[in-house]
């Protein structure tokens, strides 16, 4: 009897801790929802009634389009890099670009795969070190190669674009960057993961998260005056802005010891007072598709945890130390949202722990044991409010996923919330462990695949 009472009390304390935390998080998320929908309604009433909607296909080439450099860092990517490069040069609807592909001297398979794509627009760049180092280090070598190319050809790139070895690059991407990079130092396109029919739950949960984050979250960041963090793919950086960043960091624009160097670039350039922009634009009239970077995400639990741990560690833990809390109210608010991952995982662990304890107590009570779970009126009220807010959150997730992927994926997004929660808790534990151990010093990448059938 005494032990059951202790378990019941402990479950109530866990539920109270999780409930208060979830309430604060839910209010925070609700504020984002209100800003997003308020902005959408305002633009529908004031902007779209006066101006026609833009389409990427409307962006026409200038008489002298600027040189755009695409940086693609690789390590152990012989399985995908040749397919990615062939697809990229065949799809891109742009005249003046170079693809700088980095590979390590101890990775001959990747070097051979790059060399197999015979195209003068592809520049293979060997990193003079045994890999892997870090992705940022590889990118810095590609930046040096770009400087060498500019010097040798007497030209200057207009923008630097980042992509990974498994990306499906949209055909209109460089058109958008060429047209808009003069208005902003940073442009980020949406990232939409490709659904994997062999991994509906692990890989699929990325579809849900990015559908909401890269439709709603980034729009709100821009609306409140916060800098747009780069996703490392489908993004462009104005060449002079990148050079300015390099001049501040010993000639290396990408932080060599960071696990999320792309995220940091966007925030650092925003902190310099430079404009950052998120661009979500339909490809052409009559199509549902938008111009976005597509690609497959990790399909196994272990790979997903490793990737999420790298993001959490770089943004929530190391990012706190490296970037601090500078900027205005909107910037600080968004940095707080970025860094809440470890706390969210702790709240989830507490909530699941309380649910497990209560389920055992209720089961024992149903079997006739003389025990009873006692919930205070205040706790019942808190859990009820959180239940309604959770319902709203589930509706938002399903709605944005449906808009991006259709009803099938929208319905799957509801049970996939649990999958995402489990991955988040495991990733947070790994991230904290790595952070306490000094952080990752090598490129902790996951295995990639390239789609056999390319999306539009």
Protein backbone atom coordinates (compact mmCIF):
# COMPACT_ATOMS: atom_id res chain seq x y z
CA UNK A 1 0.00 0.00 0.00
CA UNK A 2 2.78 2.44 0.94
CA UNK A 3 4.78 1.58 -2.17
CA UNK A 4 1.73 2.11 -4.37
CA UNK A 5 1.15 5.48 -2.74
CA UNK A 6 4.77 6.46 -3.40
CA UNK A 7 4.46 5.42 -7.05
CA UNK A 8 1.23 7.40 -7.39
CA UNK A 9 2.83 10.50 -5.85
CA UNK A 10 5.92 10.15 -8.03
CA UNK A 11 3.77 9.79 -11.17
CA UNK A 12 1.84 12.92 -10.19
CA UNK A 13 5.06 14.90 -9.72
CA UNK A 14 6.38 13.76 -13.08
CA UNK A 15 3.07 14.68 -14.71
CA UNK A 16 3.09 18.11 -13.05
CA UNK A 17 6.64 18.82 -14.24
CA UNK A 18 5.85 17.67 -17.77
CA UNK A 19 2.46 19.37 -17.80
CA UNK A 20 3.80 22.80 -16.86
CA UNK A 21 6.60 22.50 -19.40
CA UNK A 22 4.27 21.35 -22.16
CA UNK A 23 1.86 24.18 -21.37
CA UNK A 24 4.62 26.77 -21.80
CA UNK A 25 5.80 25.09 -25.01
CA UNK A 26 2.23 24.91 -26.33
CA UNK A 27 1.61 28.61 -25.68
CA UNK A 28 4.89 29.35 -27.47
CA UNK A 29 3.84 27.22 -30.44
CA UNK A 30 0.38 28.78 -30.46
CA UNK A 31 1.96 32.22 -30.77
CA UNK A 32 3.82 31.01 -33.87
CA UNK A 33 0.55 29.65 -35.32
CA UNK A 34 -1.26 32.94 -34.73
CA UNK A 35 1.51 34.97 -36.36
CA UNK A 36 1.63 32.63 -39.36
CA UNK A 37 -2.10 32.57 -40.00
CA UNK A 38 -2.47 36.28 -39.24
CA UNK A 39 0.26 37.07 -41.75
CA UNK A 40 -1.28 34.75 -44.35
CA UNK A 41 -4.70 36.38 -44.01
CA UNK A 42 -3.19 39.87 -44.17
CA UNK A 43 -1.22 39.06 -47.33
CA UNK A 44 -4.28 37.49 -48.95
CA UNK A 45 -6.28 40.67 -48.33
CA UNK A 46 -3.61 43.25 -49.15
CA UNK A 47 -0.88 41.75 -51.35
CA UNK A 48 -2.40 39.02 -53.49
CA UNK A 49 -5.44 41.16 -54.35
CA UNK A 50 -3.16 43.76 -55.97
CA UNK A 51 -0.33 41.68 -57.37
CA UNK A 52 -0.40 38.34 -59.21
CA UNK A 53 1.27 35.39 -57.54
CA UNK A 54 4.84 34.77 -58.63
CA UNK A 55 6.10 31.53 -60.12
CA UNK A 56 9.70 30.39 -60.45
CA UNK A 57 9.28 29.88 -64.19
CA UNK A 58 8.58 33.62 -64.52
CA UNK A 59 12.12 34.49 -63.47
CA UNK A 60 13.88 35.16 -66.76
CA UNK A 61 17.57 35.11 -67.36
CA UNK A 62 19.40 38.39 -67.28
CA UNK A 63 21.60 39.30 -70.21
CA UNK A 64 24.62 38.44 -68.12
CA UNK A 65 23.64 35.94 -65.39
CA UNK A 66 26.06 35.76 -62.52
CA UNK A 67 28.38 32.85 -61.87
CA UNK A 68 26.97 30.64 -59.14
CA UNK A 69 29.23 28.21 -57.29
CA UNK A 70 27.63 25.06 -55.85
CA UNK A 71 29.63 23.49 -53.02
CA UNK A 72 29.09 19.77 -52.40
CA UNK A 73 31.19 18.28 -49.56
CA UNK A 74 31.48 14.48 -49.56
CA UNK A 75 32.90 11.67 -47.52
CA UNK A 76 32.29 8.02 -48.48
CA UNK A 77 29.60 8.95 -51.00
CA UNK A 78 30.58 6.74 -53.93
CA UNK A 79 27.09 5.17 -53.93
CA UNK A 80 25.26 8.43 -54.69
CA UNK A 81 27.54 11.24 -55.84
CA UNK A 82 27.72 10.26 -59.52
CA UNK A 83 23.92 9.99 -59.79
CA UNK A 84 23.50 13.30 -57.96
CA UNK A 85 25.95 15.14 -60.21
CA UNK A 86 24.46 13.72 -63.42
CA UNK A 87 20.95 14.64 -62.32
CA UNK A 88 22.04 18.13 -61.28
CA UNK A 89 23.77 19.11 -64.52
CA UNK A 90 20.93 17.60 -66.57
CA UNK A 91 18.17 19.34 -64.61
CA UNK A 92 19.50 22.82 -63.87
CA UNK A 93 17.99 25.50 -66.10
CA UNK A 94 20.83 28.01 -65.82
CA UNK A 95 23.80 29.02 -67.95
CA UNK A 96 26.71 29.93 -65.70
CA UNK A 97 27.57 27.72 -62.73
CA UNK A 98 30.28 25.45 -61.38
CA UNK A 99 29.89 22.53 -59.01
CA UNK A 100 32.82 22.18 -56.59
CA UNK A 101 32.82 18.67 -55.14
CA UNK A 102 35.10 17.92 -52.21
CA UNK A 103 36.56 14.47 -51.54
CA UNK A 104 39.32 13.13 -49.29
CA UNK A 105 42.62 11.67 -50.38
CA UNK A 106 41.85 8.38 -48.59
CA UNK A 107 38.47 7.99 -50.31
CA UNK A 108 39.38 6.82 -53.85
CA UNK A 109 35.94 5.32 -54.49
CA UNK A 110 34.24 8.69 -54.15
CA UNK A 111 36.96 10.36 -56.24
CA UNK A 112 36.42 7.80 -59.00
CA UNK A 113 32.65 8.31 -58.90
CA UNK A 114 33.09 12.07 -59.27
CA UNK A 115 35.55 11.60 -62.14
CA UNK A 116 33.06 9.34 -63.94
CA UNK A 117 30.81 12.35 -64.58
CA UNK A 118 32.62 14.02 -67.45
CA UNK A 119 31.28 17.56 -67.43
CA UNK A 120 33.37 20.77 -67.58
CA UNK A 121 31.10 22.43 -65.02
CA UNK A 122 32.19 19.99 -62.30
CA UNK A 123 35.36 20.77 -60.35
CA UNK A 124 36.69 17.91 -58.21
CA UNK A 125 38.55 19.20 -55.16
CA UNK A 126 40.73 16.86 -53.10
CA UNK A 127 41.01 17.65 -49.41
CA UNK A 128 44.72 17.10 -48.57
CA UNK A 129 43.96 15.11 -45.43
CA UNK A 130 42.71 11.70 -44.44
CA UNK A 131 38.99 11.88 -43.91
CA UNK A 132 36.73 12.42 -42.44
CA UNK A 133 37.57 15.69 -40.76
CA UNK A 134 34.42 17.78 -40.37
CA UNK A 135 31.89 18.86 -42.97
CA UNK A 136 32.81 22.48 -42.24
CA UNK A 137 36.49 21.74 -42.89
CA UNK A 138 35.60 20.18 -46.23
CA UNK A 139 33.49 23.22 -47.10
CA UNK A 140 36.38 25.54 -46.24
CA UNK A 141 38.59 23.67 -48.69
CA UNK A 142 35.90 24.08 -51.33
CA UNK A 143 35.79 27.80 -50.57
CA UNK A 144 39.56 27.96 -51.11
CA UNK A 145 39.11 26.13 -54.43
CA UNK A 146 36.49 28.71 -55.44
CA UNK A 147 38.94 31.53 -54.73
CA UNK A 148 41.53 29.75 -56.88
CA UNK A 149 39.00 29.36 -59.69
CA UNK A 150 38.02 33.03 -59.51
CA UNK A 151 41.66 34.09 -59.60
CA UNK A 152 42.55 31.82 -62.50
CA UNK A 153 39.57 32.89 -64.63
CA UNK A 154 39.45 36.54 -63.64
CA UNK A 155 35.86 36.35 -62.45
CA UNK A 156 33.87 36.52 -59.24
CA UNK A 157 30.95 34.33 -58.22
CA UNK A 158 27.66 36.03 -57.53
CA UNK A 159 26.53 33.49 -54.95
CA UNK A 160 27.63 30.30 -53.23
CA UNK A 161 25.04 27.51 -53.01
CA UNK A 162 25.24 24.57 -50.59
CA UNK A 163 24.07 21.04 -51.32
CA UNK A 164 24.70 17.51 -50.06
CA UNK A 165 25.67 14.45 -52.07
CA UNK A 166 22.17 12.94 -51.95
CA UNK A 167 20.16 16.04 -52.94
CA UNK A 168 17.75 16.31 -55.83
CA UNK A 169 18.26 19.87 -57.05
CA UNK A 170 15.27 21.67 -58.55
CA UNK A 171 15.67 22.84 -62.12
CA UNK A 172 14.64 26.44 -61.33
CA UNK A 173 16.74 26.80 -58.18
CA UNK A 174 19.58 28.86 -59.65
CA UNK A 175 17.13 31.12 -61.47
CA UNK A 176 15.66 32.13 -58.12
CA UNK A 177 19.05 32.68 -56.52
CA UNK A 178 20.28 34.78 -59.46
CA UNK A 179 17.17 36.96 -59.37
CA UNK A 180 16.96 37.47 -55.60
CA UNK A 181 20.46 37.27 -54.14
CA UNK A 182 20.92 41.02 -54.63
CA UNK A 183 18.02 41.65 -52.25
CA UNK A 184 19.40 39.47 -49.46
CA UNK A 185 22.72 38.03 -48.33
CA UNK A 186 21.14 34.65 -47.59
CA UNK A 187 18.31 32.81 -49.34
CA UNK A 188 16.92 29.53 -48.06
CA UNK A 189 14.53 27.41 -50.11
CA UNK A 190 12.26 24.84 -48.47
CA UNK A 191 13.63 21.37 -47.76
CA UNK A 192 11.09 18.62 -48.40
CA UNK A 193 12.23 15.06 -47.61
CA UNK A 194 11.24 12.38 -50.07
CA UNK A 195 8.85 9.75 -48.65
CA UNK A 196 10.49 6.34 -48.37
CA UNK A 197 8.00 3.49 -48.91
CA UNK A 198 10.39 1.16 -47.06
CA UNK A 199 10.58 3.42 -43.99
CA UNK A 200 7.17 5.00 -43.48
CA UNK A 201 7.78 5.63 -39.78
CA UNK A 202 11.45 6.52 -39.28
CA UNK A 203 12.13 8.34 -42.54
CA UNK A 204 8.53 9.50 -42.74
CA UNK A 205 8.67 11.54 -39.54
CA UNK A 206 11.15 13.88 -41.25
CA UNK A 207 8.45 14.66 -43.83
CA UNK A 208 6.13 15.78 -41.03
CA UNK A 209 8.71 17.92 -39.25
CA UNK A 210 10.02 19.68 -42.35
CA UNK A 211 6.53 20.22 -43.78
CA UNK A 212 5.72 22.29 -40.71
CA UNK A 213 9.14 23.87 -40.07
CA UNK A 214 9.83 24.88 -43.69
CA UNK A 215 6.35 26.19 -44.35
CA UNK A 216 5.39 27.86 -41.09
CA UNK A 217 8.40 28.25 -38.80
CA UNK A 218 10.76 29.96 -41.24
CA UNK A 219 8.01 32.29 -42.42
CA UNK A 220 7.42 33.39 -38.83
CA UNK A 221 11.15 33.81 -38.19
CA UNK A 222 11.35 36.26 -41.05
CA UNK A 223 8.17 38.03 -39.95
CA UNK A 224 9.50 38.72 -36.43
CA UNK A 225 12.86 39.96 -37.69
CA UNK A 226 14.94 36.89 -36.80
CA UNK A 227 17.72 35.60 -39.04
CA UNK A 228 17.01 32.59 -41.23
CA UNK A 229 19.29 29.67 -40.30
CA UNK A 230 20.62 27.70 -43.24
CA UNK A 231 19.67 24.05 -43.65
CA UNK A 232 22.91 23.25 -45.47
CA UNK A 233 21.02 22.39 -48.68
CA UNK A 234 18.97 24.47 -51.07
CA UNK A 235 20.47 27.71 -49.80
CA UNK A 236 22.50 30.52 -51.34
CA UNK A 237 24.94 32.96 -49.75
CA UNK A 238 25.92 36.18 -51.46
CA UNK A 239 29.59 35.91 -52.42
CA UNK A 240 30.76 39.15 -50.80
CA UNK A 241 28.87 38.34 -47.61
CA UNK A 242 30.61 34.96 -47.41
CA UNK A 243 33.95 36.67 -48.00
CA UNK A 244 33.17 39.10 -45.20
CA UNK A 245 32.48 36.19 -42.88
CA UNK A 246 35.71 34.50 -43.97
CA UNK A 247 37.70 37.67 -43.24
CA UNK A 248 36.41 37.60 -39.67
CA UNK A 249 37.43 33.93 -39.17
CA UNK A 250 40.97 33.62 -40.53
CA UNK A 251 39.80 33.04 -44.07
CA UNK A 252 37.45 30.21 -43.14
CA UNK A 253 33.76 31.12 -43.54
CA UNK A 254 32.55 27.85 -42.05
CA UNK A 255 33.27 27.12 -38.39
CA UNK A 256 35.56 24.10 -38.64
CA UNK A 257 34.72 22.62 -35.23
CA UNK A 258 30.96 23.08 -35.46
CA UNK A 259 28.49 20.24 -36.01
CA UNK A 260 25.98 22.66 -37.55
CA UNK A 261 28.14 25.07 -39.53
CA UNK A 262 25.33 25.85 -41.98
CA UNK A 263 22.94 26.89 -39.20
CA UNK A 264 25.60 29.20 -37.78
CA UNK A 265 26.34 30.92 -41.10
CA UNK A 266 22.78 32.20 -41.42
CA UNK A 267 22.69 33.52 -37.86
CA UNK A 268 26.15 35.08 -38.04
CA UNK A 269 25.34 36.95 -41.24
CA UNK A 270 22.05 38.07 -39.77
CA UNK A 271 23.92 39.37 -36.73
CA UNK A 272 26.02 41.53 -39.06
CA UNK A 273 22.85 43.32 -40.11
CA UNK A 274 22.59 41.54 -43.46
CA UNK A 275 19.18 40.48 -44.74
CA UNK A 276 18.28 36.80 -44.73
CA UNK A 277 15.32 35.52 -46.74
CA UNK A 278 13.16 32.40 -46.89
CA UNK A 279 11.65 31.87 -50.35
CA UNK A 280 8.77 29.47 -50.91
CA UNK A 281 7.52 29.76 -54.46
CA UNK A 282 5.53 27.48 -56.81
CA UNK A 283 7.45 26.15 -59.79
CA UNK A 284 4.99 27.14 -62.50
CA UNK A 285 1.26 27.66 -63.06
CA UNK A 286 -0.84 24.52 -63.01
CA UNK A 287 1.56 22.60 -60.75
CA UNK A 288 1.29 21.93 -57.03
CA UNK A 289 5.01 21.53 -56.64
CA UNK A 290 7.19 24.24 -55.16
CA UNK A 291 10.86 24.90 -55.75
CA UNK A 292 12.55 22.95 -52.97
CA UNK A 293 15.54 20.76 -52.21
CA UNK A 294 14.46 17.12 -52.06
CA UNK A 295 16.22 14.02 -50.80
CA UNK A 296 15.93 10.87 -48.74
CA UNK A 297 16.50 11.10 -44.99
CA UNK A 298 17.72 8.35 -42.61
CA UNK A 299 15.55 5.24 -42.74
CA UNK A 300 16.76 3.41 -39.63
CA UNK A 301 16.47 4.26 -35.95
CA UNK A 302 20.22 4.34 -35.35
CA UNK A 303 20.92 6.68 -38.27
CA UNK A 304 18.05 8.99 -37.34
CA UNK A 305 19.26 9.23 -33.74
CA UNK A 306 22.80 10.02 -34.86
CA UNK A 307 21.62 12.73 -37.21
CA UNK A 308 19.22 14.31 -34.71
CA UNK A 309 21.91 14.16 -32.02
CA UNK A 310 24.25 16.09 -34.30
CA UNK A 311 21.59 18.74 -34.88
CA UNK A 312 20.67 18.98 -31.21
CA UNK A 313 24.29 19.12 -30.10
CA UNK A 314 25.26 21.74 -32.64
CA UNK A 315 22.23 23.99 -32.21
CA UNK A 316 21.01 23.59 -28.63
CA UNK A 317 24.27 22.87 -26.78
CA UNK A 318 27.32 24.07 -28.72
CA UNK A 319 25.26 26.80 -30.39
CA UNK A 320 24.40 28.27 -27.01
CA UNK A 321 28.12 28.55 -26.23
CA UNK A 322 29.19 29.74 -29.68
CA UNK A 323 26.41 32.18 -30.63
CA UNK A 324 25.00 33.34 -27.31
CA UNK A 325 21.77 35.34 -27.11
CA UNK A 326 22.44 38.42 -29.23
CA UNK A 327 19.87 40.23 -31.35
CA UNK A 328 16.43 41.70 -30.85
CA UNK A 329 13.40 40.19 -29.18
CA UNK A 330 12.38 38.16 -32.24
CA UNK A 331 15.90 36.78 -32.66
CA UNK A 332 16.16 35.78 -29.02
CA UNK A 333 12.73 34.17 -29.12
CA UNK A 334 13.69 32.02 -32.10
CA UNK A 335 17.03 31.04 -30.59
CA UNK A 336 15.17 29.96 -27.48
CA UNK A 337 12.90 27.79 -29.66
CA UNK A 338 15.92 26.33 -31.44
CA UNK A 339 17.57 25.36 -28.15
CA UNK A 340 14.67 23.80 -26.31
CA UNK A 341 15.29 20.31 -27.73
CA UNK A 342 17.06 18.78 -24.70
CA UNK A 343 14.46 20.21 -22.31
CA UNK A 344 11.67 18.94 -24.56
CA UNK A 345 13.20 15.47 -24.45
CA UNK A 346 13.31 15.60 -20.63
CA UNK A 347 9.66 16.64 -20.53
CA UNK A 348 8.73 13.79 -22.87
CA UNK A 349 10.62 11.32 -20.73
CA UNK A 350 8.78 12.56 -17.64
CA UNK A 351 5.40 12.37 -19.36
CA UNK A 352 5.94 8.85 -20.64
CA UNK A 353 7.27 7.82 -17.22
CA UNK A 354 4.15 9.18 -15.49
CA UNK A 355 1.89 7.45 -18.02
CA UNK A 356 3.70 4.16 -17.49
CA UNK A 357 3.43 4.35 -13.70
CA UNK A 358 -0.24 5.29 -13.80
CA UNK A 359 -1.00 2.50 -16.26
CA UNK A 360 0.48 -0.02 -13.82
CA UNK A 361 -1.48 1.44 -10.90
CA UNK A 362 -4.73 1.43 -12.87
CA UNK A 363 -4.07 -2.13 -14.01
CA UNK A 364 -3.49 -3.24 -10.43
CA UNK A 365 -6.68 -1.45 -9.38
CA UNK A 366 -8.63 -3.19 -12.17
CA UNK A 367 -7.33 -6.54 -10.93
CA UNK A 368 -8.70 -5.83 -7.47
CA UNK A 369 -5.68 -4.44 -5.64
CA UNK A 370 -6.62 -1.99 -2.85
CA UNK A 371 -4.85 0.99 -4.45
CA UNK A 372 -6.01 4.06 -6.34
CA UNK A 373 -4.26 6.70 -8.42
CA UNK A 374 -4.94 10.10 -6.87
CA UNK A 375 -4.94 13.15 -9.13
CA UNK A 376 -5.46 16.60 -7.66
CA UNK A 377 -8.06 18.91 -9.25
CA UNK A 378 -5.30 21.29 -10.31
CA UNK A 379 -3.39 18.53 -12.08
CA UNK A 380 -6.56 17.32 -13.79
CA UNK A 381 -7.21 20.86 -15.07
CA UNK A 382 -3.63 21.18 -16.30
CA UNK A 383 -3.78 17.84 -18.12
CA UNK A 384 -7.14 18.75 -19.66
CA UNK A 385 -5.81 22.04 -21.03
CA UNK A 386 -2.73 20.29 -22.36
CA UNK A 387 -4.93 17.66 -23.97
CA UNK A 388 -6.81 20.29 -25.97
CA UNK A 389 -3.57 22.02 -26.94
CA UNK A 390 -2.11 18.68 -27.98
CA UNK A 391 -5.13 18.12 -30.20
CA UNK A 392 -4.47 21.48 -31.87
CA UNK A 393 -0.80 20.57 -32.31
CA UNK A 394 -1.71 17.24 -33.91
CA UNK A 395 -4.14 19.04 -36.22
CA UNK A 396 -1.42 21.49 -37.28
CA UNK A 397 1.08 18.73 -37.96
CA UNK A 398 -1.42 16.70 -39.97
CA UNK A 399 -2.59 19.77 -41.89
CA UNK A 400 0.84 20.91 -43.00
CA UNK A 401 1.92 17.36 -43.87
CA UNK A 402 -1.25 16.89 -45.91
CA UNK A 403 -0.63 20.15 -47.77
CA UNK A 404 2.89 18.99 -48.70
CA UNK A 405 2.39 15.26 -49.26
CA UNK A 406 -1.32 14.46 -49.47
CA UNK A 407 -3.86 12.80 -47.19
CA UNK A 408 -2.02 9.51 -46.81
CA UNK A 409 1.06 11.05 -45.24
CA UNK A 410 -1.09 13.53 -43.33
CA UNK A 411 -2.90 10.70 -41.56
CA UNK A 412 0.36 8.86 -40.90
CA UNK A 413 1.79 11.98 -39.31
CA UNK A 414 -0.46 11.50 -36.26
CA UNK A 415 1.01 8.19 -35.01
CA UNK A 416 4.44 9.29 -36.27
CA UNK A 417 4.43 11.93 -33.52
CA UNK A 418 5.23 9.11 -31.08
CA UNK A 419 8.05 7.89 -33.33
CA UNK A 420 9.47 11.41 -33.45
CA UNK A 421 9.25 11.68 -29.67
CA UNK A 422 11.20 8.46 -29.16
CA UNK A 423 13.89 9.56 -31.62
CA UNK A 424 14.08 12.98 -29.93
CA UNK A 425 14.64 11.44 -26.49
CA UNK A 426 17.35 9.07 -27.72
CA UNK A 427 19.01 11.83 -29.73
CA UNK A 428 19.02 14.20 -26.76
CA UNK A 429 20.74 11.59 -24.60
CA UNK A 430 23.39 11.04 -27.27
CA UNK A 431 23.84 14.80 -27.84
CA UNK A 432 24.37 15.50 -24.14
CA UNK A 433 26.82 12.61 -23.88
CA UNK A 434 28.82 13.88 -26.86
CA UNK A 435 28.74 17.45 -25.58
CA UNK A 436 30.02 16.48 -22.13
CA UNK A 437 32.74 14.46 -23.84
CA UNK A 438 33.99 17.51 -25.73
CA UNK A 439 31.76 17.32 -28.81
CA UNK A 440 32.19 15.51 -32.10
CA UNK A 441 35.54 16.10 -33.80
CA UNK A 442 34.79 14.15 -36.98
CA UNK A 443 32.09 14.06 -39.62
CA UNK A 444 29.44 11.81 -38.10
CA UNK A 445 27.49 11.30 -41.33
CA UNK A 446 24.80 8.77 -42.17
CA UNK A 447 24.46 6.48 -45.18
CA UNK A 448 22.65 8.07 -48.13
CA UNK A 449 20.61 6.87 -51.10
CA UNK A 450 19.65 8.68 -54.29
CA UNK A 451 16.15 8.16 -55.74
CA UNK A 452 15.81 5.99 -58.83
CA UNK A 453 12.86 8.07 -60.02
CA UNK A 454 13.38 11.81 -59.70
CA UNK A 455 10.58 14.09 -58.47
CA UNK A 456 9.46 17.04 -60.58
